[in-house]
C-alpha cells in the first residue's frame, strides 16, 4: 500500500506518499450520510472533464462503507500509476 489514510470523525482522505489527495469522503455537518469524492488528480489521470457525481452512504455503517471505497479508489490509482511509471502499461 503506497498511500495512506488520514481519518477524522467527519472526514476520510487518501493521500499519495507525497501528501497529494487522491480521493476522500466526508459527512456534512448535521447529516447522517457520507459523500464520496475524487480529486483533480483522479480526473486528470482518467481524462474526465469533470468528476463523476458524488456518492452518498447512509446510516450507521456509512463511515465504514465510505472508508472502504476511499481505500479501493486509492489502491486502484496507486496501482495504475505504478504500472505506468514502471513501463508496464
N, C-alpha and C. Protein backbone atom coordinates (compact mmCIF):
# COMPACT_ATOMS: atom_id res chain seq x y z
N UNK A 1 0.86 -1.17 0.00
CA UNK A 1 0.00 0.00 0.00
C UNK A 1 0.90 1.23 0.00
N UNK A 2 0.85 2.01 -1.05
CA UNK A 2 1.69 3.18 -1.19
C UNK A 2 0.94 4.48 -0.95
N UNK A 3 -0.19 4.42 -0.33
CA UNK A 3 -0.94 5.61 0.03
C UNK A 3 -1.22 5.50 1.52
N UNK A 4 -1.68 6.59 2.10
CA UNK A 4 -2.08 6.50 3.50
C UNK A 4 -3.41 7.22 3.69
N UNK A 5 -4.10 6.82 4.72
CA UNK A 5 -5.42 7.35 5.01
C UNK A 5 -5.31 8.32 6.19
N UNK A 6 -5.86 9.49 6.01
CA UNK A 6 -5.98 10.46 7.10
C UNK A 6 -7.46 10.46 7.45
N UNK A 7 -7.75 10.15 8.70
CA UNK A 7 -9.14 9.93 9.09
C UNK A 7 -9.50 10.71 10.35
N UNK A 8 -10.67 11.34 10.30
CA UNK A 8 -11.23 12.04 11.45
C UNK A 8 -12.67 11.59 11.64
N UNK A 9 -13.35 12.22 12.56
CA UNK A 9 -14.74 11.85 12.82
C UNK A 9 -15.66 12.08 11.62
N UNK A 10 -15.40 13.15 10.86
CA UNK A 10 -16.29 13.52 9.76
C UNK A 10 -15.58 13.61 8.41
N UNK A 11 -14.35 13.10 8.30
CA UNK A 11 -13.62 13.19 7.04
C UNK A 11 -12.62 12.05 6.92
N UNK A 12 -12.50 11.51 5.71
CA UNK A 12 -11.52 10.48 5.38
C UNK A 12 -10.86 10.93 4.08
N UNK A 13 -9.54 10.92 4.03
CA UNK A 13 -8.83 11.32 2.82
C UNK A 13 -7.70 10.33 2.55
N UNK A 14 -7.58 9.89 1.31
CA UNK A 14 -6.45 9.05 0.88
C UNK A 14 -5.41 9.97 0.25
N UNK A 15 -4.16 9.83 0.68
CA UNK A 15 -3.07 10.69 0.22
C UNK A 15 -1.96 9.86 -0.39
N UNK A 16 -1.33 10.41 -1.43
CA UNK A 16 -0.16 9.78 -2.01
C UNK A 16 0.99 9.88 -1.01
N UNK A 17 2.09 9.16 -1.24
CA UNK A 17 3.24 9.28 -0.33
C UNK A 17 3.75 10.72 -0.19
N UNK A 18 3.54 11.54 -1.23
CA UNK A 18 3.99 12.94 -1.16
C UNK A 18 2.93 13.87 -0.57
N UNK A 19 1.79 13.30 -0.13
CA UNK A 19 0.77 14.10 0.54
C UNK A 19 -0.31 14.70 -0.35
N UNK A 20 -0.38 14.29 -1.61
CA UNK A 20 -1.40 14.79 -2.53
C UNK A 20 -2.67 13.96 -2.35
N UNK A 21 -3.81 14.65 -2.21
CA UNK A 21 -5.08 13.96 -2.02
C UNK A 21 -5.48 13.21 -3.29
N UNK A 22 -5.92 11.96 -3.12
CA UNK A 22 -6.39 11.12 -4.22
C UNK A 22 -7.92 11.16 -4.27
N UNK A 23 -8.53 10.89 -3.13
CA UNK A 23 -9.99 10.88 -3.02
C UNK A 23 -10.33 10.94 -1.54
N UNK A 24 -11.60 11.05 -1.26
CA UNK A 24 -11.99 11.11 0.14
C UNK A 24 -13.48 11.00 0.32
N UNK A 25 -13.87 11.13 1.55
CA UNK A 25 -15.29 11.11 1.91
C UNK A 25 -15.46 12.03 3.11
N UNK A 26 -16.63 12.61 3.22
CA UNK A 26 -16.92 13.47 4.35
C UNK A 26 -18.38 13.36 4.73
N UNK A 27 -18.67 13.66 5.98
CA UNK A 27 -20.05 13.70 6.45
C UNK A 27 -20.40 15.16 6.70
N UNK A 28 -21.34 15.71 5.91
CA UNK A 28 -21.72 17.10 6.11
C UNK A 28 -22.26 17.32 7.52
N UNK A 29 -21.91 18.46 8.09
CA UNK A 29 -22.34 18.77 9.45
C UNK A 29 -23.86 18.69 9.59
N UNK A 30 -24.29 17.98 10.62
CA UNK A 30 -25.71 17.85 10.91
C UNK A 30 -26.44 16.79 10.10
N UNK A 31 -25.71 16.02 9.29
CA UNK A 31 -26.34 14.99 8.45
C UNK A 31 -25.81 13.61 8.83
N UNK A 32 -26.56 12.59 8.43
CA UNK A 32 -26.20 11.21 8.75
C UNK A 32 -25.78 10.42 7.51
N UNK A 33 -25.18 11.08 6.53
CA UNK A 33 -24.70 10.38 5.35
C UNK A 33 -23.27 10.84 5.05
N UNK A 34 -22.57 10.03 4.29
CA UNK A 34 -21.22 10.33 3.86
C UNK A 34 -21.21 10.54 2.36
N UNK A 35 -20.45 11.52 1.89
CA UNK A 35 -20.28 11.79 0.46
C UNK A 35 -18.87 11.38 0.05
N UNK A 36 -18.79 10.60 -0.99
CA UNK A 36 -17.51 10.16 -1.54
C UNK A 36 -17.16 11.07 -2.70
N UNK A 37 -15.88 11.45 -2.83
CA UNK A 37 -15.45 12.30 -3.94
C UNK A 37 -14.08 11.87 -4.44
N UNK A 38 -13.79 12.22 -5.68
CA UNK A 38 -12.45 12.04 -6.23
C UNK A 38 -11.87 13.43 -6.47
N UNK A 39 -10.55 13.53 -6.48
CA UNK A 39 -9.90 14.82 -6.65
C UNK A 39 -9.49 15.03 -8.11
N UNK A 40 -8.95 16.21 -8.38
CA UNK A 40 -8.47 16.55 -9.71
C UNK A 40 -7.38 15.57 -10.16
N UNK A 41 -6.62 15.04 -9.23
CA UNK A 41 -5.61 14.04 -9.56
C UNK A 41 -6.23 12.86 -10.30
N UNK A 42 -7.37 12.39 -9.84
CA UNK A 42 -8.07 11.27 -10.49
C UNK A 42 -8.67 11.71 -11.81
N UNK A 43 -9.36 12.84 -11.83
CA UNK A 43 -9.99 13.26 -13.08
C UNK A 43 -8.95 13.54 -14.16
N UNK A 44 -7.82 14.13 -13.79
CA UNK A 44 -6.77 14.38 -14.77
C UNK A 44 -6.18 13.08 -15.29
N UNK A 45 -5.97 12.09 -14.42
CA UNK A 45 -5.34 10.84 -14.85
C UNK A 45 -6.29 9.96 -15.65
N UNK A 46 -7.61 10.17 -15.51
CA UNK A 46 -8.58 9.38 -16.26
C UNK A 46 -9.05 10.10 -17.52
N UNK A 47 -8.74 11.38 -17.63
CA UNK A 47 -9.18 12.14 -18.79
C UNK A 47 -10.60 12.66 -18.66
N UNK A 48 -11.22 12.51 -17.51
CA UNK A 48 -12.57 13.02 -17.31
C UNK A 48 -12.52 14.55 -17.22
N UNK A 49 -13.46 15.21 -17.88
CA UNK A 49 -13.51 16.67 -17.82
C UNK A 49 -13.99 17.15 -16.46
N UNK A 50 -14.93 16.44 -15.90
CA UNK A 50 -15.46 16.77 -14.57
C UNK A 50 -15.55 15.49 -13.77
N UNK A 51 -15.47 15.59 -12.46
CA UNK A 51 -15.59 14.37 -11.66
C UNK A 51 -16.98 13.77 -11.76
N UNK A 52 -17.08 12.47 -11.57
CA UNK A 52 -18.40 11.85 -11.56
C UNK A 52 -19.21 12.36 -10.37
N UNK A 53 -20.50 12.10 -10.39
CA UNK A 53 -21.34 12.56 -9.28
C UNK A 53 -20.83 12.00 -7.96
N UNK A 54 -21.15 12.69 -6.92
CA UNK A 54 -20.75 12.22 -5.59
C UNK A 54 -21.69 11.12 -5.15
N UNK A 55 -21.12 10.18 -4.47
CA UNK A 55 -21.90 9.05 -3.96
C UNK A 55 -22.17 9.28 -2.48
N UNK A 56 -23.35 8.89 -2.02
CA UNK A 56 -23.72 9.06 -0.62
C UNK A 56 -23.92 7.71 0.04
N UNK A 57 -23.44 7.58 1.26
CA UNK A 57 -23.60 6.36 2.05
C UNK A 57 -24.32 6.71 3.33
N UNK A 58 -25.43 6.05 3.58
CA UNK A 58 -26.32 6.38 4.69
C UNK A 58 -26.15 5.43 5.86
N UNK A 59 -26.59 5.87 7.00
CA UNK A 59 -26.73 5.01 8.17
C UNK A 59 -25.48 4.87 9.00
N UNK A 60 -25.60 4.01 10.00
CA UNK A 60 -24.51 3.83 10.96
C UNK A 60 -23.25 3.27 10.33
N UNK A 61 -23.40 2.47 9.29
CA UNK A 61 -22.24 1.87 8.63
C UNK A 61 -21.68 2.76 7.53
N UNK A 62 -22.24 3.96 7.36
CA UNK A 62 -21.79 4.86 6.30
C UNK A 62 -20.31 5.14 6.33
N UNK A 63 -19.75 5.35 7.51
CA UNK A 63 -18.32 5.62 7.65
C UNK A 63 -17.50 4.43 7.18
N UNK A 64 -17.90 3.24 7.56
CA UNK A 64 -17.18 2.02 7.20
C UNK A 64 -17.21 1.82 5.68
N UNK A 65 -18.38 1.99 5.09
CA UNK A 65 -18.52 1.81 3.64
C UNK A 65 -17.75 2.89 2.89
N UNK A 66 -17.85 4.14 3.35
CA UNK A 66 -17.12 5.23 2.69
C UNK A 66 -15.62 5.00 2.76
N UNK A 67 -15.12 4.56 3.90
CA UNK A 67 -13.68 4.30 4.04
C UNK A 67 -13.25 3.17 3.11
N UNK A 68 -14.06 2.15 2.97
CA UNK A 68 -13.73 1.05 2.07
C UNK A 68 -13.62 1.54 0.63
N UNK A 69 -14.53 2.42 0.21
CA UNK A 69 -14.47 2.96 -1.15
C UNK A 69 -13.25 3.87 -1.33
N UNK A 70 -12.94 4.69 -0.34
CA UNK A 70 -11.75 5.55 -0.41
C UNK A 70 -10.50 4.68 -0.57
N UNK A 71 -10.40 3.62 0.21
CA UNK A 71 -9.24 2.74 0.11
C UNK A 71 -9.17 2.03 -1.24
N UNK A 72 -10.31 1.60 -1.77
CA UNK A 72 -10.33 0.96 -3.08
C UNK A 72 -9.87 1.91 -4.18
N UNK A 73 -10.41 3.10 -4.21
CA UNK A 73 -10.04 4.08 -5.25
C UNK A 73 -8.56 4.42 -5.15
N UNK A 74 -8.08 4.65 -3.92
CA UNK A 74 -6.67 4.98 -3.73
C UNK A 74 -5.76 3.84 -4.19
N UNK A 75 -6.11 2.62 -3.84
CA UNK A 75 -5.30 1.46 -4.24
C UNK A 75 -5.29 1.31 -5.76
N UNK A 76 -6.44 1.48 -6.38
CA UNK A 76 -6.51 1.38 -7.85
C UNK A 76 -5.66 2.46 -8.51
N UNK A 77 -5.74 3.68 -7.99
CA UNK A 77 -4.94 4.77 -8.56
C UNK A 77 -3.45 4.48 -8.39
N UNK A 78 -3.05 4.11 -7.19
CA UNK A 78 -1.63 3.87 -6.94
C UNK A 78 -1.11 2.70 -7.77
N UNK A 79 -1.92 1.65 -7.93
CA UNK A 79 -1.51 0.51 -8.74
C UNK A 79 -1.36 0.90 -10.21
N UNK A 80 -2.32 1.66 -10.73
CA UNK A 80 -2.23 2.05 -12.14
C UNK A 80 -1.08 3.02 -12.35
N UNK A 81 -0.84 3.90 -11.41
CA UNK A 81 0.26 4.84 -11.51
C UNK A 81 1.60 4.11 -11.48
N UNK A 82 1.72 3.10 -10.64
CA UNK A 82 2.96 2.32 -10.55
C UNK A 82 3.22 1.59 -11.87
N UNK A 83 2.17 1.05 -12.51
CA UNK A 83 2.35 0.33 -13.76
C UNK A 83 2.79 1.27 -14.87
N UNK A 84 2.21 2.47 -14.93
CA UNK A 84 2.60 3.42 -15.96
C UNK A 84 4.04 3.88 -15.75
N UNK A 85 4.39 4.21 -14.51
CA UNK A 85 5.74 4.65 -14.20
C UNK A 85 6.75 3.55 -14.46
N UNK A 86 6.36 2.31 -14.13
CA UNK A 86 7.26 1.18 -14.34
C UNK A 86 7.36 0.71 -15.78
N UNK A 87 6.58 1.31 -16.67
CA UNK A 87 6.63 0.95 -18.07
C UNK A 87 5.78 -0.24 -18.45
N UNK A 88 4.94 -0.71 -17.56
CA UNK A 88 4.13 -1.89 -17.84
C UNK A 88 2.90 -1.53 -18.66
N UNK A 89 2.31 -0.36 -18.39
CA UNK A 89 1.05 0.00 -19.07
C UNK A 89 1.29 0.44 -20.48
